Amino acid sequence: MKKAREAITELLSYGMAYRIEKIVEKTGFKKSTVSSALRELQAAGLVVKEKDQACYDRYVYLSADAPKGFGISRRLCELNNILRELRREKNLVHA
Protein backbone atom coordinates (compact mmCIF):
# COMPACT_ATOMS: atom_id res chain seq x y z
CA MET A 1 0.00 0.00 0.00
CA LYS A 2 2.88 2.34 0.80
CA LYS A 3 4.27 1.94 -2.71
CA ALA A 4 0.85 2.77 -4.19
CA ARG A 5 0.59 5.93 -2.08
CA GLU A 6 4.09 6.98 -3.11
CA ALA A 7 3.38 6.31 -6.79
CA ILE A 8 0.12 8.29 -6.67
CA THR A 9 1.75 11.16 -4.80
CA GLU A 10 4.55 11.25 -7.38
CA LEU A 11 2.07 11.18 -10.28
CA LEU A 12 -0.06 13.99 -8.87
CA SER A 13 2.95 16.11 -7.85
CA TYR A 14 3.19 17.49 -11.39
CA GLY A 15 -0.04 19.43 -10.91
CA MET A 16 -2.25 17.38 -13.23
CA ALA A 17 -5.71 16.10 -12.28
CA TYR A 18 -6.52 12.47 -13.10
CA ARG A 19 -9.54 10.20 -12.95
CA ILE A 20 -9.06 6.99 -11.00
CA GLU A 21 -8.92 4.94 -14.22
CA LYS A 22 -5.99 7.00 -15.51
CA ILE A 23 -4.20 6.70 -12.15
CA VAL A 24 -4.62 2.90 -12.34
CA GLU A 25 -3.25 2.92 -15.88
CA LYS A 26 -0.24 5.12 -15.10
CA THR A 27 0.74 3.49 -11.79
CA GLY A 28 0.05 -0.14 -12.71
CA PHE A 29 -1.74 -0.98 -9.45
CA LYS A 30 -5.17 -2.60 -9.19
CA LYS A 31 -8.18 -0.29 -8.95
CA SER A 32 -9.00 -1.45 -5.41
CA THR A 33 -5.45 -0.66 -4.27
CA VAL A 34 -5.53 2.78 -5.90
CA SER A 35 -8.94 3.51 -4.42
CA SER A 36 -7.78 2.63 -0.90
CA ALA A 37 -4.59 4.65 -1.30
CA LEU A 38 -6.55 7.66 -2.56
CA ARG A 39 -8.87 7.50 0.46
CA GLU A 40 -5.87 7.43 2.80
CA LEU A 41 -4.21 10.32 0.98
CA GLN A 42 -7.46 12.32 1.14
CA ALA A 43 -7.75 11.69 4.87
CA ALA A 44 -4.18 12.91 5.32
CA GLY A 45 -4.96 16.07 3.36
CA LEU A 46 -2.49 15.27 0.57
CA VAL A 47 -5.00 14.67 -2.23
CA VAL A 48 -8.13 16.60 -3.20
CA LYS A 49 -11.15 15.04 -4.92
CA GLU A 50 -13.05 17.40 -7.24
CA LYS A 51 -15.88 17.12 -9.76
CA ASP A 52 -14.66 16.51 -13.29
CA GLN A 53 -15.43 19.47 -15.54
CA ALA A 54 -15.87 17.18 -18.57
CA CYS A 55 -18.26 14.68 -16.92
CA TYR A 56 -20.61 15.89 -14.20
CA ASP A 57 -20.90 12.45 -12.55
CA ARG A 58 -17.14 11.75 -12.43
CA TYR A 59 -14.36 12.92 -10.14
CA VAL A 60 -10.72 13.78 -10.60
CA TYR A 61 -7.94 13.67 -8.04
CA LEU A 62 -5.17 16.21 -7.68
CA SER A 63 -2.44 17.02 -5.24
CA ALA A 64 -3.36 19.39 -2.43
CA ASP A 65 0.00 21.09 -3.08
CA ALA A 66 -0.76 21.77 -6.74
CA PRO A 67 -1.42 25.43 -7.54
CA LYS A 68 -4.81 26.15 -9.06
CA GLY A 69 -5.42 28.72 -11.78
CA PHE A 70 -3.03 31.23 -13.27
CA GLY A 71 -1.00 33.79 -11.39
CA ILE A 72 -1.43 32.37 -7.90
CA SER A 73 -0.13 34.96 -5.49
CA ARG A 74 2.39 34.16 -2.79
CA ARG A 75 -0.12 34.97 -0.04
CA LEU A 76 -2.72 32.60 -1.46
CA CYS A 77 -0.09 29.85 -1.62
CA GLU A 78 0.82 30.54 2.01
CA LEU A 79 -2.85 30.41 3.01
CA ASN A 80 -3.24 27.11 1.15
CA ASN A 81 -0.23 25.69 3.01
CA ILE A 82 -1.64 26.80 6.37
CA LEU A 83 -5.02 25.23 5.59
CA ARG A 84 -3.34 21.98 4.53
CA GLU A 85 -1.42 21.87 7.82
CA LEU A 86 -4.66 22.47 9.75
CA ARG A 87 -6.32 19.57 7.90
CA ARG A 88 -3.39 17.32 8.79
CA GLU A 89 -3.55 18.37 12.46
CA LYS A 90 -7.30 17.75 12.50
CA ASN A 91 -6.75 14.25 11.09
CA LEU A 92 -4.09 13.52 13.72
CA VAL A 93 -6.47 14.57 16.50
CA HIS A 94 -9.26 12.34 15.18
CA ALA A 95 -6.96 9.37 14.55
PDB file of N, CA and C in Angstrom:
ATOM      1  N   MET A   1       0.828  -1.192   0.000  1.00  0.00           N
ATOM      2  CA  MET A   1       0.000   0.000   0.000  1.00  0.00           C
ATOM      3  C   MET A   1       0.870   1.253   0.000  1.00  0.00           C
ATOM      4  N   LYS A   2       1.991   1.176   0.725  1.00  0.00           N
ATOM      5  CA  LYS A   2       2.880   2.340   0.803  1.00  0.00           C
ATOM      6  C   LYS A   2       3.421   2.696  -0.579  1.00  0.00           C
ATOM      7  N   LYS A   3       3.756   1.687  -1.365  1.00  0.00           N
ATOM      8  CA  LYS A   3       4.268   1.942  -2.708  1.00  0.00           C
ATOM      9  C   LYS A   3       3.201   2.588  -3.582  1.00  0.00           C
ATOM     10  N   ALA A   4       1.947   2.172  -3.415  1.00  0.00           N
ATOM     11  CA  ALA A   4       0.855   2.766  -4.190  1.00  0.00           C
ATOM     12  C   ALA A   4       0.683   4.230  -3.817  1.00  0.00           C
ATOM     13  N   ARG A   5       0.716   4.531  -2.520  1.00  0.00           N
ATOM     14  CA  ARG A   5       0.591   5.931  -2.079  1.00  0.00           C
ATOM     15  C   ARG A   5       1.726   6.780  -2.634  1.00  0.00           C
ATOM     16  N   GLU A   6       2.938   6.241  -2.590  1.00  0.00           N
ATOM     17  CA  GLU A   6       4.094   6.976  -3.109  1.00  0.00           C
ATOM     18  C   GLU A   6       3.973   7.205  -4.611  1.00  0.00           C
ATOM     19  N   ALA A   7       3.527   6.186  -5.340  1.00  0.00           N
ATOM     20  CA  ALA A   7       3.383   6.314  -6.791  1.00  0.00           C
ATOM     21  C   ALA A   7       2.310   7.343  -7.144  1.00  0.00           C
ATOM     22  N   ILE A   8       1.201   7.330  -6.416  1.00  0.00           N
ATOM     23  CA  ILE A   8       0.119   8.285  -6.671  1.00  0.00           C
ATOM     24  C   ILE A   8       0.569   9.698  -6.322  1.00  0.00           C
ATOM     25  N   THR A   9       1.244   9.850  -5.199  1.00  0.00           N
ATOM     26  CA  THR A   9       1.749  11.165  -4.798  1.00  0.00           C
ATOM     27  C   THR A   9       2.717  11.702  -5.840  1.00  0.00           C
ATOM     28  N   GLU A  10       3.589  10.847  -6.341  1.00  0.00           N
ATOM     29  CA  GLU A  10       4.546  11.249  -7.380  1.00  0.00           C
ATOM     30  C   GLU A  10       3.814  11.659  -8.655  1.00  0.00           C
ATOM     31  N   LEU A  11       2.824  10.880  -9.061  1.00  0.00           N
ATOM     32  CA  LEU A  11       2.068  11.177 -10.278  1.00  0.00           C
ATOM     33  C   LEU A  11       1.349  12.518 -10.171  1.00  0.00           C
ATOM     34  N   LEU A  12       0.719  12.767  -9.036  1.00  0.00           N
ATOM     35  CA  LEU A  12      -0.060  13.992  -8.868  1.00  0.00           C
ATOM     36  C   LEU A  12       0.809  15.208  -8.549  1.00  0.00           C
ATOM     37  N   SER A  13       2.078  14.992  -8.234  1.00  0.00           N
ATOM     38  CA  SER A  13       2.954  16.106  -7.854  1.00  0.00           C
ATOM     39  C   SER A  13       3.236  17.055  -9.013  1.00  0.00           C
ATOM     40  N   TYR A  14       2.946  16.636 -10.230  1.00  0.00           N
ATOM     41  CA  TYR A  14       3.194  17.487 -11.391  1.00  0.00           C
ATOM     42  C   TYR A  14       2.073  18.492 -11.632  1.00  0.00           C
ATOM     43  N   GLY A  15       1.023  18.448 -10.806  1.00  0.00           N
ATOM     44  CA  GLY A  15      -0.044  19.434 -10.912  1.00  0.00           C
ATOM     45  C   GLY A  15      -1.201  19.041 -11.811  1.00  0.00           C
ATOM     46  N   MET A  16      -1.166  17.843 -12.368  1.00  0.00           N
ATOM     47  CA  MET A  16      -2.254  17.385 -13.233  1.00  0.00           C
ATOM     48  C   MET A  16      -3.350  16.734 -12.391  1.00  0.00           C
ATOM     49  N   ALA A  17      -4.576  16.768 -12.917  1.00  0.00           N
ATOM     50  CA  ALA A  17      -5.710  16.101 -12.278  1.00  0.00           C
ATOM     51  C   ALA A  17      -6.049  14.858 -13.095  1.00  0.00           C
ATOM     52  N   TYR A  18      -6.257  13.736 -12.413  1.00  0.00           N
ATOM     53  CA  TYR A  18      -6.523  12.472 -13.095  1.00  0.00           C
ATOM     54  C   TYR A  18      -7.752  11.789 -12.516  1.00  0.00           C
ATOM     55  N   ARG A  19      -8.485  11.100 -13.403  1.00  0.00           N
ATOM     56  CA  ARG A  19      -9.541  10.195 -12.954  1.00  0.00           C
ATOM     57  C   ARG A  19      -8.871   8.941 -12.413  1.00  0.00           C
ATOM     58  N   ILE A  20      -9.627   8.197 -11.628  1.00  0.00           N
ATOM     59  CA  ILE A  20      -9.064   6.993 -11.003  1.00  0.00           C
ATOM     60  C   ILE A  20      -8.593   5.984 -12.057  1.00  0.00           C
ATOM     61  N   GLU A  21      -9.305   5.885 -13.175  1.00  0.00           N
ATOM     62  CA  GLU A  21      -8.916   4.940 -14.220  1.00  0.00           C
ATOM     63  C   GLU A  21      -7.542   5.285 -14.791  1.00  0.00           C
ATOM     64  N   LYS A  22      -7.283   6.560 -14.966  1.00  0.00           N
ATOM     65  CA  LYS A  22      -5.994   7.003 -15.509  1.00  0.00           C
ATOM     66  C   LYS A  22      -4.877   6.775 -14.489  1.00  0.00           C
ATOM     67  N   ILE A  23      -5.191   6.958 -13.199  1.00  0.00           N
ATOM     68  CA  ILE A  23      -4.200   6.700 -12.153  1.00  0.00           C
ATOM     69  C   ILE A  23      -3.842   5.215 -12.136  1.00  0.00           C
ATOM     70  N   VAL A  24      -4.854   4.347 -12.274  1.00  0.00           N
ATOM     71  CA  VAL A  24      -4.622   2.897 -12.335  1.00  0.00           C
ATOM     72  C   VAL A  24      -3.717   2.569 -13.523  1.00  0.00           C
ATOM     73  N   GLU A  25      -4.021   3.172 -14.665  1.00  0.00           N
ATOM     74  CA  GLU A  25      -3.246   2.922 -15.882  1.00  0.00           C
ATOM     75  C   GLU A  25      -1.793   3.377 -15.734  1.00  0.00           C
ATOM     76  N   LYS A  26      -1.594   4.552 -15.179  1.00  0.00           N
ATOM     77  CA  LYS A  26      -0.244   5.122 -15.095  1.00  0.00           C
ATOM     78  C   LYS A  26       0.603   4.496 -13.987  1.00  0.00           C
ATOM     79  N   THR A  27      -0.029   4.061 -12.892  1.00  0.00           N
ATOM     80  CA  THR A  27       0.742   3.486 -11.786  1.00  0.00           C
ATOM     81  C   THR A  27       0.905   1.977 -11.901  1.00  0.00           C
ATOM     82  N   GLY A  28      -0.038   1.301 -12.553  1.00  0.00           N
ATOM     83  CA  GLY A  28       0.053  -0.145 -12.707  1.00  0.00           C
ATOM     84  C   GLY A  28      -0.516  -0.945 -11.548  1.00  0.00           C
ATOM     85  N   PHE A  29      -1.122  -0.278 -10.571  1.00  0.00           N
ATOM     86  CA  PHE A  29      -1.739  -0.975  -9.446  1.00  0.00           C
ATOM     87  C   PHE A  29      -3.200  -1.290  -9.759  1.00  0.00           C
ATOM     88  N   LYS A  30      -3.764  -2.253  -9.013  1.00  0.00           N
ATOM     89  CA  LYS A  30      -5.173  -2.601  -9.185  1.00  0.00           C
ATOM     90  C   LYS A  30      -6.050  -1.439  -8.728  1.00  0.00           C
ATOM     91  N   LYS A  31      -7.271  -1.382  -9.269  1.00  0.00           N
ATOM     92  CA  LYS A  31      -8.181  -0.286  -8.946  1.00  0.00           C
ATOM     93  C   LYS A  31      -8.516  -0.256  -7.458  1.00  0.00           C
ATOM     94  N   SER A  32      -8.684  -1.417  -6.838  1.00  0.00           N
ATOM     95  CA  SER A  32      -9.002  -1.454  -5.408  1.00  0.00           C
ATOM     96  C   SER A  32      -7.850  -0.888  -4.573  1.00  0.00           C
ATOM     97  N   THR A  33      -6.624  -1.185  -4.973  1.00  0.00           N
ATOM     98  CA  THR A  33      -5.450  -0.662  -4.267  1.00  0.00           C
ATOM     99  C   THR A  33      -5.362   0.847  -4.423  1.00  0.00           C
ATOM    100  N   VAL A  34      -5.575   1.334  -5.640  1.00  0.00           N
ATOM    101  CA  VAL A  34      -5.526   2.775  -5.904  1.00  0.00           C
ATOM    102  C   VAL A  34      -6.631   3.490  -5.145  1.00  0.00           C
ATOM    103  N   SER A  35      -7.819   2.906  -5.128  1.00  0.00           N
ATOM    104  CA  SER A  35      -8.945   3.512  -4.421  1.00  0.00           C
ATOM    105  C   SER A  35      -8.658   3.641  -2.927  1.00  0.00           C
ATOM    106  N   SER A  36      -8.123   2.589  -2.328  1.00  0.00           N
ATOM    107  CA  SER A  36      -7.777   2.629  -0.901  1.00  0.00           C
ATOM    108  C   SER A  36      -6.691   3.659  -0.622  1.00  0.00           C
ATOM    109  N   ALA A  37      -5.683   3.687  -1.479  1.00  0.00           N
ATOM    110  CA  ALA A  37      -4.590   4.647  -1.300  1.00  0.00           C
ATOM    111  C   ALA A  37      -5.095   6.079  -1.440  1.00  0.00           C
ATOM    112  N   LEU A  38      -5.998   6.320  -2.386  1.00  0.00           N
ATOM    113  CA  LEU A  38      -6.552   7.665  -2.562  1.00  0.00           C
ATOM    114  C   LEU A  38      -7.353   8.097  -1.337  1.00  0.00           C
ATOM    115  N   ARG A  39      -8.115   7.166  -0.754  1.00  0.00           N
ATOM    116  CA  ARG A  39      -8.869   7.498   0.464  1.00  0.00           C
ATOM    117  C   ARG A  39      -7.925   7.875   1.601  1.00  0.00           C
ATOM    118  N   GLU A  40      -6.847   7.125   1.753  1.00  0.00           N
ATOM    119  CA  GLU A  40      -5.870   7.429   2.802  1.00  0.00           C
ATOM    120  C   GLU A  40      -5.197   8.778   2.560  1.00  0.00           C
ATOM    121  N   LEU A  41      -4.851   9.049   1.314  1.00  0.00           N
ATOM    122  CA  LEU A  41      -4.213  10.323   0.984  1.00  0.00           C
ATOM    123  C   LEU A  41      -5.169  11.498   1.180  1.00  0.00           C
ATOM    124  N   GLN A  42      -6.457  11.279   0.890  1.00  0.00           N
ATOM    125  CA  GLN A  42      -7.460  12.321   1.140  1.00  0.00           C
ATOM    126  C   GLN A  42      -7.586  12.592   2.631  1.00  0.00           C
ATOM    127  N   ALA A  43      -7.623  11.540   3.416  1.00  0.00           N
ATOM    128  CA  ALA A  43      -7.754  11.691   4.866  1.00  0.00           C
ATOM    129  C   ALA A  43      -6.554  12.424   5.455  1.00  0.00           C
ATOM    130  N   ALA A  44      -5.388  12.233   4.850  1.00  0.00           N
ATOM    131  CA  ALA A  44      -4.177  12.905   5.321  1.00  0.00           C
ATOM    132  C   ALA A  44      -4.067  14.332   4.794  1.00  0.00           C
ATOM    133  N   GLY A  45      -4.984  14.720   3.904  1.00  0.00           N
ATOM    134  CA  GLY A  45      -4.957  16.075   3.359  1.00  0.00           C
ATOM    135  C   GLY A  45      -3.949  16.268   2.246  1.00  0.00           C
ATOM    136  N   LEU A  46      -3.487  15.180   1.635  1.00  0.00           N
ATOM    137  CA  LEU A  46      -2.491  15.274   0.574  1.00  0.00           C
ATOM    138  C   LEU A  46      -3.102  15.287  -0.816  1.00  0.00           C
ATOM    139  N   VAL A  47      -4.325  14.763  -0.945  1.00  0.00           N
ATOM    140  CA  VAL A  47      -5.004  14.675  -2.233  1.00  0.00           C
ATOM    141  C   VAL A  47      -6.391  15.287  -2.101  1.00  0.00           C
ATOM    142  N   VAL A  48      -6.808  15.969  -3.162  1.00  0.00           N
ATOM    143  CA  VAL A  48      -8.126  16.602  -3.198  1.00  0.00           C
ATOM    144  C   VAL A  48      -8.955  15.922  -4.281  1.00  0.00           C
ATOM    145  N   LYS A  49     -10.216  15.646  -3.966  1.00  0.00           N
ATOM    146  CA  LYS A  49     -11.146  15.043  -4.916  1.00  0.00           C
ATOM    147  C   LYS A  49     -12.107  16.137  -5.371  1.00  0.00           C
ATOM    148  N   GLU A  50     -12.183  16.356  -6.693  1.00  0.00           N
ATOM    149  CA  GLU A  50     -13.046  17.399  -7.238  1.00  0.00           C
ATOM    150  C   GLU A  50     -13.897  16.833  -8.362  1.00  0.00           C
ATOM    151  N   LYS A  51     -15.022  17.501  -8.632  1.00  0.00           N
ATOM    152  CA  LYS A  51     -15.876  17.121  -9.763  1.00  0.00           C
ATOM    153  C   LYS A  51     -15.110  17.330 -11.057  1.00  0.00           C
ATOM    154  N   ASP A  52     -15.277  16.397 -11.978  1.00  0.00           N
ATOM    155  CA  ASP A  52     -14.655  16.510 -13.292  1.00  0.00           C
ATOM    156  C   ASP A  52     -15.447  17.512 -14.122  1.00  0.00           C
ATOM    157  N   GLN A  53     -14.760  18.455 -14.732  1.00  0.00           N
ATOM    158  CA  GLN A  53     -15.430  19.471 -15.539  1.00  0.00           C
ATOM    159  C   GLN A  53     -16.014  18.872 -16.820  1.00  0.00           C
ATOM    160  N   ALA A  54     -15.417  17.800 -17.326  1.00  0.00           N
ATOM    161  CA  ALA A  54     -15.873  17.185 -18.571  1.00  0.00           C
ATOM    162  C   ALA A  54     -17.084  16.278 -18.358  1.00  0.00           C
ATOM    163  N   CYS A  55     -17.152  15.585 -17.232  1.00  0.00           N
ATOM    164  CA  CYS A  55     -18.264  14.676 -16.922  1.00  0.00           C
ATOM    165  C   CYS A  55     -18.795  15.014 -15.542  1.00  0.00           C
ATOM    166  N   TYR A  56     -20.039  15.422 -15.470  1.00  0.00           N
ATOM    167  CA  TYR A  56     -20.607  15.892 -14.205  1.00  0.00           C
ATOM    168  C   TYR A  56     -20.690  14.807 -13.141  1.00  0.00           C
ATOM    169  N   ASP A  57     -20.752  13.534 -13.535  1.00  0.00           N
ATOM    170  CA  ASP A  57     -20.898  12.454 -12.554  1.00  0.00           C
ATOM    171  C   ASP A  57     -19.566  11.770 -12.217  1.00  0.00           C
ATOM    172  N   ARG A  58     -18.457  12.329 -12.674  1.00  0.00           N
ATOM    173  CA  ARG A  58     -17.139  11.745 -12.433  1.00  0.00           C
ATOM    174  C   ARG A  58     -16.306  12.686 -11.574  1.00  0.00           C
ATOM    175  N   TYR A  59     -15.253  12.141 -10.988  1.00  0.00           N
ATOM    176  CA  TYR A  59     -14.361  12.922 -10.136  1.00  0.00           C
ATOM    177  C   TYR A  59     -12.927  12.799 -10.630  1.00  0.00           C
ATOM    178  N   VAL A  60     -12.151  13.812 -10.336  1.00  0.00           N
ATOM    179  CA  VAL A  60     -10.717  13.777 -10.603  1.00  0.00           C
ATOM    180  C   VAL A  60      -9.989  13.995  -9.282  1.00  0.00           C
ATOM    181  N   TYR A  61      -8.771  13.533  -9.234  1.00  0.00           N
ATOM    182  CA  TYR A  61      -7.943  13.672  -8.038  1.00  0.00           C
ATOM    183  C   TYR A  61      -6.727  14.513  -8.396  1.00  0.00           C
ATOM    184  N   LEU A  62      -6.355  15.402  -7.483  1.00  0.00           N
ATOM    185  CA  LEU A  62      -5.168  16.214  -7.684  1.00  0.00           C
ATOM    186  C   LEU A  62      -4.473  16.437  -6.357  1.00  0.00           C
ATOM    187  N   SER A  63      -3.235  16.791  -6.446  1.00  0.00           N
ATOM    188  CA  SER A  63      -2.438  17.023  -5.242  1.00  0.00           C
ATOM    189  C   SER A  63      -2.929  18.267  -4.524  1.00  0.00           C
ATOM    190  N   ALA A  64      -2.966  18.212  -3.205  1.00  0.00           N
ATOM    191  CA  ALA A  64      -3.358  19.389  -2.425  1.00  0.00           C
ATOM    192  C   ALA A  64      -2.302  20.476  -2.537  1.00  0.00           C
ATOM    193  N   ASP A  65      -1.085  20.115  -2.926  1.00  0.00           N
ATOM    194  CA  ASP A  65       0.000  21.085  -3.083  1.00  0.00           C
ATOM    195  C   ASP A  65      -0.023  21.773  -4.438  1.00  0.00           C
ATOM    196  N   ALA A  66      -0.779  21.231  -5.383  1.00  0.00           N
ATOM    197  CA  ALA A  66      -0.763  21.775  -6.737  1.00  0.00           C
ATOM    198  C   ALA A  66      -1.429  23.144  -6.782  1.00  0.00           C
ATOM    199  N   PRO A  67      -0.790  24.121  -7.402  1.00  0.00           N
ATOM    200  CA  PRO A  67      -1.422  25.432  -7.538  1.00  0.00           C
ATOM    201  C   PRO A  67      -2.607  25.352  -8.485  1.00  0.00           C
ATOM    202  N   LYS A  68      -3.605  26.148  -8.227  1.00  0.00           N
ATOM    203  CA  LYS A  68      -4.807  26.150  -9.055  1.00  0.00           C
ATOM    204  C   LYS A  68      -4.919  27.497  -9.753  1.00  0.00           C
ATOM    205  N   GLY A  69      -5.228  27.484 -11.037  1.00  0.00           N
ATOM    206  CA  GLY A  69      -5.420  28.724 -11.776  1.00  0.00           C
ATOM    207  C   GLY A  69      -4.104  29.337 -12.220  1.00  0.00           C
ATOM    208  N   PHE A  70      -4.208  30.521 -12.767  1.00  0.00           N
ATOM    209  CA  PHE A  70      -3.033  31.229 -13.267  1.00  0.00           C
ATOM    210  C   PHE A  70      -2.699  32.381 -12.337  1.00  0.00           C
ATOM    211  N   GLY A  71      -1.434  32.650 -12.172  1.00  0.00           N
ATOM    212  CA  GLY A  71      -0.997  33.794 -11.387  1.00  0.00           C
ATOM    213  C   GLY A  71      -1.332  33.700  -9.913  1.00  0.00           C
ATOM    214  N   ILE A  72      -1.153  32.534  -9.321  1.00  0.00           N
ATOM    215  CA  ILE A  72      -1.431  32.369  -7.899  1.00  0.00           C
ATOM    216  C   ILE A  72      -0.451  33.240  -7.109  1.00  0.00           C
ATOM    217  N   SER A  73      -0.997  34.073  -6.260  1.00  0.00           N
ATOM    218  CA  SER A  73      -0.131  34.962  -5.491  1.00  0.00           C
ATOM    219  C   SER A  73       0.547  34.202  -4.356  1.00  0.00           C
ATOM    220  N   ARG A  74       1.630  34.770  -3.869  1.00  0.00           N
ATOM    221  CA  ARG A  74       2.393  34.156  -2.789  1.00  0.00           C
ATOM    222  C   ARG A  74       1.544  34.022  -1.537  1.00  0.00           C
ATOM    223  N   ARG A  75       0.715  35.021  -1.244  1.00  0.00           N
ATOM    224  CA  ARG A  75      -0.118  34.973  -0.043  1.00  0.00           C
ATOM    225  C   ARG A  75      -1.176  33.873  -0.130  1.00  0.00           C
ATOM    226  N   LEU A  76      -1.749  33.679  -1.309  1.00  0.00           N
ATOM    227  CA  LEU A  76      -2.722  32.596  -1.465  1.00  0.00           C
ATOM    228  C   LEU A  76      -2.047  31.235  -1.300  1.00  0.00           C
ATOM    229  N   CYS A  77      -0.836  31.102  -1.798  1.00  0.00           N
ATOM    230  CA  CYS A  77      -0.093  29.853  -1.615  1.00  0.00           C
ATOM    231  C   CYS A  77       0.198  29.613  -0.138  1.00  0.00           C
ATOM    232  N   GLU A  78       0.569  30.672   0.574  1.00  0.00           N
ATOM    233  CA  GLU A  78       0.821  30.537   2.007  1.00  0.00           C
ATOM    234  C   GLU A  78      -0.448  30.136   2.750  1.00  0.00           C
ATOM    235  N   LEU A  79      -1.571  30.758   2.391  1.00  0.00           N
ATOM    236  CA  LEU A  79      -2.851  30.407   3.010  1.00  0.00           C
ATOM    237  C   LEU A  79      -3.192  28.945   2.733  1.00  0.00           C
ATOM    238  N   ASN A  80      -2.977  28.500   1.508  1.00  0.00           N
ATOM    239  CA  ASN A  80      -3.241  27.112   1.146  1.00  0.00           C
ATOM    240  C   ASN A  80      -2.380  26.169   1.983  1.00  0.00           C
ATOM    241  N   ASN A  81      -1.116  26.523   2.189  1.00  0.00           N
ATOM    242  CA  ASN A  81      -0.225  25.693   3.009  1.00  0.00           C
ATOM    243  C   ASN A  81      -0.692  25.641   4.457  1.00  0.00           C
ATOM    244  N   ILE A  82      -1.139  26.765   4.994  1.00  0.00           N
ATOM    245  CA  ILE A  82      -1.644  26.800   6.370  1.00  0.00           C
ATOM    246  C   ILE A  82      -2.887  25.932   6.501  1.00  0.00           C
ATOM    247  N   LEU A  83      -3.801  26.040   5.550  1.00  0.00           N
ATOM    248  CA  LEU A  83      -5.023  25.230   5.594  1.00  0.00           C
ATOM    249  C   LEU A  83      -4.704  23.743   5.492  1.00  0.00           C
ATOM    250  N   ARG A  84      -3.735  23.383   4.660  1.00  0.00           N
ATOM    251  CA  ARG A  84      -3.342  21.983   4.529  1.00  0.00           C
ATOM    252  C   ARG A  84      -2.790  21.466   5.853  1.00  0.00           C
ATOM    253  N   GLU A  85      -1.961  22.266   6.523  1.00  0.00           N
ATOM    254  CA  GLU A  85      -1.425  21.868   7.822  1.00  0.00           C
ATOM    255  C   GLU A  85      -2.538  21.708   8.854  1.00  0.00           C
ATOM    256  N   LEU A  86      -3.528  22.591   8.825  1.00  0.00           N
ATOM    257  CA  LEU A  86      -4.663  22.468   9.748  1.00  0.00           C
ATOM    258  C   LEU A  86      -5.438  21.179   9.498  1.00  0.00           C
ATOM    259  N   ARG A  87      -5.631  20.824   8.219  1.00  0.00           N
ATOM    260  CA  ARG A  87      -6.322  19.568   7.898  1.00  0.00           C
ATOM    261  C   ARG A  87      -5.540  18.379   8.435  1.00  0.00           C
ATOM    262  N   ARG A  88      -4.224  18.412   8.287  1.00  0.00           N
ATOM    263  CA  ARG A  88      -3.391  17.316   8.795  1.00  0.00           C
ATOM    264  C   ARG A  88      -3.489  17.217  10.310  1.00  0.00           C
ATOM    265  N   GLU A  89      -3.435  18.354  10.994  1.00  0.00           N
ATOM    266  CA  GLU A  89      -3.551  18.368  12.456  1.00  0.00           C
ATOM    267  C   GLU A  89      -4.909  17.828  12.890  1.00  0.00           C
ATOM    268  N   LYS A  90      -5.955  18.221  12.182  1.00  0.00           N
ATOM    269  CA  LYS A  90      -7.303  17.747  12.498  1.00  0.00           C
ATOM    270  C   LYS A  90      -7.372  16.231  12.354  1.00  0.00           C
ATOM    271  N   ASN A  91      -6.752  15.698  11.305  1.00  0.00           N
ATOM    272  CA  ASN A  91      -6.746  14.252  11.090  1.00  0.00           C
ATOM    273  C   ASN A  91      -5.953  13.533  12.168  1.00  0.00           C
ATOM    274  N   LEU A  92      -4.874  14.136  12.647  1.00  0.00           N
ATOM    275  CA  LEU A  92      -4.093  13.519  13.722  1.00  0.00           C
ATOM    276  C   LEU A  92      -4.881  13.484  15.020  1.00  0.00           C
ATOM    277  N   VAL A  93      -5.663  14.520  15.285  1.00  0.00           N
ATOM    278  CA  VAL A  93      -6.470  14.574  16.505  1.00  0.00           C
ATOM    279  C   VAL A  93      -7.553  13.509  16.475  1.00  0.00           C
ATOM    280  N   HIS A  94      -8.166  13.309  15.298  1.00  0.00           N
ATOM    281  CA  HIS A  94      -9.258  12.344  15.177  1.00  0.00           C
ATOM    282  C   HIS A  94      -8.768  10.912  15.028  1.00  0.00           C
ATOM    283  N   ALA A  95      -7.485  10.724  14.768  1.00  0.00           N
ATOM    284  CA  ALA A  95      -6.962   9.365  14.551  1.00  0.00           C
ATOM    285  C   ALA A  95      -6.739   8.625  15.846  1.00  0.00           C
TER     286      ALA A  95
END
